[in-house]
C-alpha cells in the first residue's frame, strides 16, 4: 500500500470522526464557540437595589441552555413564581454571552401578579466549568409598572 493511500485513508477517517462528533442529527447542535454554553448550570447570585451597592438577596436556580439560543430556568419550590424562559446570544468578538430571562408571578389565589426580567452578561472560565458576571432584574406589576430594579453578580457552575 502506498504512503499516499494510507495518508488519504487516515485523513478520511479523521474527517468522518470529526463530522460525526458535531453532527446536529446526533448531538443537537454544531460544535461552535457559541454552543460551548449548552448544558446544565447551577447558579448562585447576590442582588440588591440597583445603585445601592448592597446585595442582601441570595438567589439560587438551575439553568438549562439549549443549542440555538434558548434556555429554561428551574426554581426552588414554594415561591410564588413560575420557571423562567429565556434566550441567549454569543458575541464572537468579545467571547461573551448575554442572557435574557422572563418569568411570571402569581398570588396565592392564582391571580396574575406581574412578571420579572433578568439580564446577565456571561463570561466563561478557561476550563468551561463556570460562567459569571453582572445581573440586572426588573420586577413589573400586573399593570406593567416597575416595582423594583435589582442588580448584582451571579456565578453559575456546570453540572
Protein backbone atom coordinates (compact mmCIF):
# COMPACT_ATOMS: atom_id res chain seq x y z
CA UNK A 1 0.00 0.00 0.00
CA UNK A 2 1.37 3.41 -0.87
CA UNK A 3 2.03 6.10 1.71
CA UNK A 4 -0.31 8.43 -0.20
CA UNK A 5 -3.20 5.94 0.10
CA UNK A 6 -2.56 5.41 3.84
CA UNK A 7 -2.49 9.17 4.49
CA UNK A 8 -5.67 9.64 2.45
CA UNK A 9 -7.39 6.90 4.47
CA UNK A 10 -6.31 8.42 7.79
CA UNK A 11 -7.47 11.88 6.69
CA UNK A 12 -10.84 10.49 5.60
CA UNK A 13 -11.32 8.70 8.95
CA UNK A 14 -10.37 11.84 10.89
CA UNK A 15 -12.79 13.93 8.85
CA UNK A 16 -15.60 11.41 9.34
CA UNK A 17 -14.93 11.19 13.08
CA UNK A 18 -14.95 14.97 13.46
CA UNK A 19 -18.09 15.28 11.36
CA UNK A 20 -19.89 12.69 13.47
CA UNK A 21 -18.82 14.39 16.71
CA UNK A 22 -20.55 17.64 15.74
CA UNK A 23 -23.39 16.20 13.68
CA UNK A 24 -26.59 18.08 14.60
CA UNK A 25 -28.57 14.90 13.97
CA UNK A 26 -26.82 13.11 16.84
CA UNK A 27 -25.82 15.92 19.22
CA UNK A 28 -28.49 18.57 18.65
CA UNK A 29 -26.03 21.32 17.88
CA UNK A 30 -22.97 22.30 15.98
CA UNK A 31 -19.59 22.39 17.70
CA UNK A 32 -19.24 26.17 17.62
CA UNK A 33 -17.92 28.57 20.28
CA UNK A 34 -21.47 29.84 20.85
CA UNK A 35 -22.67 26.36 21.83
CA UNK A 36 -19.97 25.90 24.50
CA UNK A 37 -22.56 27.22 26.96
CA UNK A 38 -25.06 24.45 26.15
CA UNK A 39 -25.80 22.29 29.17
CA UNK A 40 -26.94 22.37 32.78
CA UNK A 41 -25.70 25.06 35.20
CA UNK A 42 -26.36 25.72 38.91
CA UNK A 43 -26.41 29.41 39.82
CA UNK A 44 -25.81 31.42 42.97
CA UNK A 45 -26.48 35.15 42.79
CA UNK A 46 -26.43 38.08 45.18
CA UNK A 47 -28.60 41.07 44.28
CA UNK A 48 -29.97 44.24 45.84
CA UNK A 49 -31.49 47.56 44.84
CA UNK A 50 -29.61 48.96 41.84
CA UNK A 51 -27.18 51.72 42.77
CA UNK A 52 -27.19 50.87 46.48
CA UNK A 53 -24.01 48.81 46.46
CA UNK A 54 -25.84 46.32 48.70
CA UNK A 55 -26.61 42.73 47.64
CA UNK A 56 -28.52 41.17 50.56
CA UNK A 57 -30.80 38.93 48.48
CA UNK A 58 -29.36 35.47 47.77
CA UNK A 59 -30.80 33.61 44.78
CA UNK A 60 -30.26 30.04 43.60
CA UNK A 61 -31.54 28.42 40.45
CA UNK A 62 -30.69 25.91 37.76
CA UNK A 63 -30.32 26.93 34.12
CA UNK A 64 -30.58 24.63 31.09
CA UNK A 65 -29.01 26.23 27.99
CA UNK A 66 -30.15 24.70 24.68
CA UNK A 67 -28.31 24.78 21.35
CA UNK A 68 -29.71 27.53 19.18
CA UNK A 69 -30.14 30.20 21.83
CA UNK A 70 -32.94 29.25 24.24
CA UNK A 71 -32.89 28.35 27.92
CA UNK A 72 -35.13 27.24 30.78
CA UNK A 73 -34.72 28.16 34.45
CA UNK A 74 -35.83 25.88 37.27
CA UNK A 75 -36.57 27.43 40.67
CA UNK A 76 -36.98 26.03 44.19
CA UNK A 77 -40.50 25.04 45.26
CA UNK A 78 -42.59 27.30 47.46
CA UNK A 79 -42.02 30.63 45.76
CA UNK A 80 -44.93 32.43 44.05
CA UNK A 81 -43.46 32.41 40.56
CA UNK A 82 -43.00 30.01 37.70
CA UNK A 83 -39.91 28.77 35.90
CA UNK A 84 -38.20 31.26 33.65
CA UNK A 85 -38.00 31.04 29.87
CA UNK A 86 -35.30 32.86 28.01
CA UNK A 87 -32.88 33.40 25.20
CA UNK A 88 -29.11 33.72 24.96
CA UNK A 89 -26.73 35.19 22.40
CA UNK A 90 -23.00 34.87 21.87
CA UNK A 91 -20.69 37.67 20.69
CA UNK A 92 -17.65 36.13 18.97
CA UNK A 93 -15.75 39.44 19.12
CA UNK A 94 -15.90 39.64 22.94
CA UNK A 95 -16.33 35.87 23.55
CA UNK A 96 -19.19 36.71 25.92
CA UNK A 97 -22.77 35.55 26.18
CA UNK A 98 -25.84 37.57 27.11
CA UNK A 99 -28.88 36.00 28.72
CA UNK A 100 -32.45 37.37 28.84
CA UNK A 101 -34.97 35.58 31.06
CA UNK A 102 -38.66 36.22 31.77
CA UNK A 103 -40.93 34.66 34.41
CA UNK A 104 -44.42 35.35 35.81
CA UNK A 105 -45.51 35.97 39.41
CA UNK A 106 -48.77 34.63 40.90
CA UNK A 107 -50.77 35.42 44.04
CA UNK A 108 -51.84 32.59 46.40
CA UNK A 109 -55.37 32.73 44.92
CA UNK A 110 -53.91 32.02 41.45
CA UNK A 111 -54.34 35.51 40.03
CA UNK A 112 -51.60 37.08 37.93
CA UNK A 113 -49.21 39.39 39.81
CA UNK A 114 -46.84 40.63 37.10
CA UNK A 115 -43.54 39.42 35.76
CA UNK A 116 -39.79 39.85 36.03
CA UNK A 117 -36.98 40.04 33.52
CA UNK A 118 -33.39 39.06 34.22
CA UNK A 119 -30.44 40.10 32.09
CA UNK A 120 -26.95 38.72 32.59
CA UNK A 121 -23.59 39.20 30.92
CA UNK A 122 -21.79 35.85 30.97
CA UNK A 123 -18.03 35.33 30.94
CA UNK A 124 -16.88 31.69 30.79
CA UNK A 125 -13.84 30.42 32.67
CA UNK A 126 -10.99 28.96 30.61
CA UNK A 127 -11.89 25.42 31.71
CA UNK A 128 -15.55 25.92 30.68
CA UNK A 129 -16.89 25.00 34.12
CA UNK A 130 -18.03 28.43 35.35
CA UNK A 131 -19.84 31.42 33.93
CA UNK A 132 -20.03 34.65 35.90
CA UNK A 133 -20.92 38.30 35.53
CA UNK A 134 -23.27 41.12 36.38
CA UNK A 135 -27.01 40.56 36.68
CA UNK A 136 -29.90 43.02 36.48
CA UNK A 137 -33.53 42.16 37.17
CA UNK A 138 -36.66 44.29 36.83
CA UNK A 139 -39.92 43.34 38.59
CA UNK A 140 -43.11 44.57 36.90
CA UNK A 141 -46.61 44.77 38.39
CA UNK A 142 -49.59 43.22 36.60
CA UNK A 143 -50.29 46.64 35.03
CA UNK A 144 -46.72 46.85 33.65
CA UNK A 145 -45.37 49.46 36.06
CA UNK A 146 -41.90 48.92 37.52
CA UNK A 147 -41.93 47.71 41.14
CA UNK A 148 -38.23 47.11 41.71
CA UNK A 149 -34.87 47.02 39.95
CA UNK A 150 -32.23 44.69 41.36
CA UNK A 151 -28.55 44.50 40.43
CA UNK A 152 -25.69 42.27 41.50
CA UNK A 153 -23.44 39.43 40.46
CA UNK A 154 -24.09 35.78 39.60
CA UNK A 155 -21.89 32.70 39.23
CA UNK A 156 -23.05 29.51 37.52
CA UNK A 157 -21.25 26.17 37.72
CA UNK A 158 -21.57 23.49 35.03
CA UNK A 159 -23.25 20.32 36.23
